[in-house]
Amino acid sequence: MKQLIALLMAGMATVAMASETTHPSQPAVEHYSYGSKLDIAKVIHLSTIPKVCEVVPAQMTYEDHQGQRHTVEYQVMGDGCSTH
């Protein structure tokens, strides 16, 4: 039984390592707050703002001047407010 558990654990570790090499992990999401200093050299992706009339979370993935990728989450007003 111990050999079976050890074999399963080794298999799961191998799959996890293979997954990381074929699909690089996304950067951890940092939460923006007023006054945060961002070193943005290049914007990689901006999330779509939903068509609602309320404050919603949005994300931006960017590269800093050292080439490191970051994802920052911030609050924006939805894109569904009417000015009629």
C-alpha atoms as a PDB file:
ATOM      1  CA  MET A   1       0.000   0.000   0.000  1.00  0.00           C
ATOM      2  CA  LYS A   2       2.835   2.420   0.863  1.00  0.00           C
ATOM      3  CA  GLN A   3       4.444   1.721  -2.522  1.00  0.00           C
ATOM      4  CA  LEU A   4       1.177   2.516  -4.318  1.00  0.00           C
ATOM      5  CA  ILE A   5       0.819   5.834  -2.458  1.00  0.00           C
ATOM      6  CA  ALA A   6       4.451   6.734  -3.197  1.00  0.00           C
ATOM      7  CA  LEU A   7       3.955   5.877  -6.872  1.00  0.00           C
ATOM      8  CA  LEU A   8       0.810   8.021  -7.077  1.00  0.00           C
ATOM      9  CA  MET A   9       2.552  10.958  -5.384  1.00  0.00           C
ATOM     10  CA  ALA A  10       5.514  10.713  -7.775  1.00  0.00           C
ATOM     11  CA  GLY A  11       3.149  10.628 -10.747  1.00  0.00           C
ATOM     12  CA  MET A  12       1.268  13.693  -9.547  1.00  0.00           C
ATOM     13  CA  ALA A  13       4.530  15.607  -9.043  1.00  0.00           C
ATOM     14  CA  THR A  14       5.667  14.684 -12.561  1.00  0.00           C
ATOM     15  CA  VAL A  15       2.381  15.896 -14.067  1.00  0.00           C
ATOM     16  CA  ALA A  16       2.589  19.162 -12.109  1.00  0.00           C
ATOM     17  CA  MET A  17       6.149  19.826 -13.306  1.00  0.00           C
ATOM     18  CA  ALA A  18       5.233  19.019 -16.915  1.00  0.00           C
ATOM     19  CA  SER A  19       2.247  21.356 -16.722  1.00  0.00           C
ATOM     20  CA  GLU A  20       4.438  24.221 -15.467  1.00  0.00           C
ATOM     21  CA  THR A  21       6.919  23.817 -18.316  1.00  0.00           C
ATOM     22  CA  THR A  22       4.295  23.644 -21.071  1.00  0.00           C
ATOM     23  CA  HIS A  23       1.968  26.268 -19.570  1.00  0.00           C
ATOM     24  CA  PRO A  24       3.921  28.930 -17.688  1.00  0.00           C
ATOM     25  CA  SER A  25       2.012  30.082 -14.647  1.00  0.00           C
ATOM     26  CA  GLN A  26       0.316  33.443 -14.699  1.00  0.00           C
ATOM     27  CA  PRO A  27       1.766  36.092 -12.418  1.00  0.00           C
ATOM     28  CA  ALA A  28       0.084  36.482  -9.039  1.00  0.00           C
ATOM     29  CA  VAL A  29      -2.609  39.164  -9.082  1.00  0.00           C
ATOM     30  CA  GLU A  30      -1.561  42.318  -7.233  1.00  0.00           C
ATOM     31  CA  HIS A  31      -4.328  44.594  -5.938  1.00  0.00           C
ATOM     32  CA  TYR A  32      -3.906  48.239  -6.872  1.00  0.00           C
ATOM     33  CA  SER A  33      -4.518  50.905  -4.275  1.00  0.00           C
ATOM     34  CA  TYR A  34      -4.332  54.660  -4.654  1.00  0.00           C
ATOM     35  CA  GLY A  35      -0.721  55.732  -4.736  1.00  0.00           C
ATOM     36  CA  SER A  36       0.712  52.357  -5.786  1.00  0.00           C
ATOM     37  CA  LYS A  37       3.795  52.786  -7.953  1.00  0.00           C
ATOM     38  CA  LEU A  38       3.645  50.750 -11.169  1.00  0.00           C
ATOM     39  CA  ASP A  39       6.662  50.223 -13.447  1.00  0.00           C
ATOM     40  CA  ILE A  40       4.865  49.700 -16.772  1.00  0.00           C
ATOM     41  CA  ALA A  41       7.068  49.289 -19.828  1.00  0.00           C
ATOM     42  CA  LYS A  42       4.531  47.430 -21.994  1.00  0.00           C
ATOM     43  CA  VAL A  43       0.843  46.602 -21.556  1.00  0.00           C
ATOM     44  CA  ILE A  44       0.180  42.960 -22.478  1.00  0.00           C
ATOM     45  CA  HIS A  45      -3.570  42.630 -21.817  1.00  0.00           C
ATOM     46  CA  LEU A  46      -6.513  44.653 -20.485  1.00  0.00           C
ATOM     47  CA  SER A  47      -9.654  42.878 -19.324  1.00  0.00           C
ATOM     48  CA  THR A  48     -12.991  43.687 -20.928  1.00  0.00           C
ATOM     49  CA  ILE A  49     -15.162  46.093 -18.936  1.00  0.00           C
ATOM     50  CA  PRO A  50     -18.714  44.697 -18.586  1.00  0.00           C
ATOM     51  CA  LYS A  51     -21.768  46.678 -19.719  1.00  0.00           C
ATOM     52  CA  VAL A  52     -23.130  47.376 -16.226  1.00  0.00           C
ATOM     53  CA  CYS A  53     -23.644  50.611 -14.325  1.00  0.00           C
ATOM     54  CA  GLU A  54     -21.626  49.859 -11.202  1.00  0.00           C
ATOM     55  CA  VAL A  55     -18.036  49.624 -10.028  1.00  0.00           C
ATOM     56  CA  VAL A  56     -16.422  46.383 -11.195  1.00  0.00           C
ATOM     57  CA  PRO A  57     -12.960  44.809 -10.951  1.00  0.00           C
ATOM     58  CA  ALA A  58     -10.693  44.957 -13.991  1.00  0.00           C
ATOM     59  CA  GLN A  59      -7.235  43.525 -14.625  1.00  0.00           C
ATOM     60  CA  MET A  60      -4.181  44.619 -16.559  1.00  0.00           C
ATOM     61  CA  THR A  61      -1.198  42.413 -17.352  1.00  0.00           C
ATOM     62  CA  TYR A  62       2.009  44.284 -18.115  1.00  0.00           C
ATOM     63  CA  GLU A  63       5.776  43.946 -18.338  1.00  0.00           C
ATOM     64  CA  ASP A  64       8.036  46.109 -16.212  1.00  0.00           C
ATOM     65  CA  HIS A  65      11.352  47.564 -17.393  1.00  0.00           C
ATOM     66  CA  GLN A  66      13.172  44.386 -16.297  1.00  0.00           C
ATOM     67  CA  GLY A  67      10.903  42.205 -18.459  1.00  0.00           C
ATOM     68  CA  GLN A  68       8.948  40.731 -15.519  1.00  0.00           C
ATOM     69  CA  ARG A  69       5.203  40.219 -16.025  1.00  0.00           C
ATOM     70  CA  HIS A  70       2.702  41.513 -13.494  1.00  0.00           C
ATOM     71  CA  THR A  71      -1.089  41.406 -13.252  1.00  0.00           C
ATOM     72  CA  VAL A  72      -2.774  44.165 -11.306  1.00  0.00           C
ATOM     73  CA  GLU A  73      -6.456  44.270 -10.349  1.00  0.00           C
ATOM     74  CA  TYR A  74      -8.188  47.609  -9.916  1.00  0.00           C
ATOM     75  CA  GLN A  75     -11.726  49.024  -9.743  1.00  0.00           C
ATOM     76  CA  VAL A  76     -13.425  50.782 -12.681  1.00  0.00           C
ATOM     77  CA  MET A  77     -16.919  52.037 -13.458  1.00  0.00           C
ATOM     78  CA  GLY A  78     -18.790  49.619 -15.708  1.00  0.00           C
ATOM     79  CA  ASP A  79     -19.362  50.503 -19.331  1.00  0.00           C
ATOM     80  CA  GLY A  80     -23.177  50.373 -19.128  1.00  0.00           C
ATOM     81  CA  CYS A  81     -24.168  53.704 -17.620  1.00  0.00           C
ATOM     82  CA  SER A  82     -26.414  55.811 -19.831  1.00  0.00           C
ATOM     83  CA  THR A  83     -26.141  59.595 -20.000  1.00  0.00           C
ATOM     84  CA  HIS A  84     -29.712  60.102 -21.316  1.00  0.00           C
END
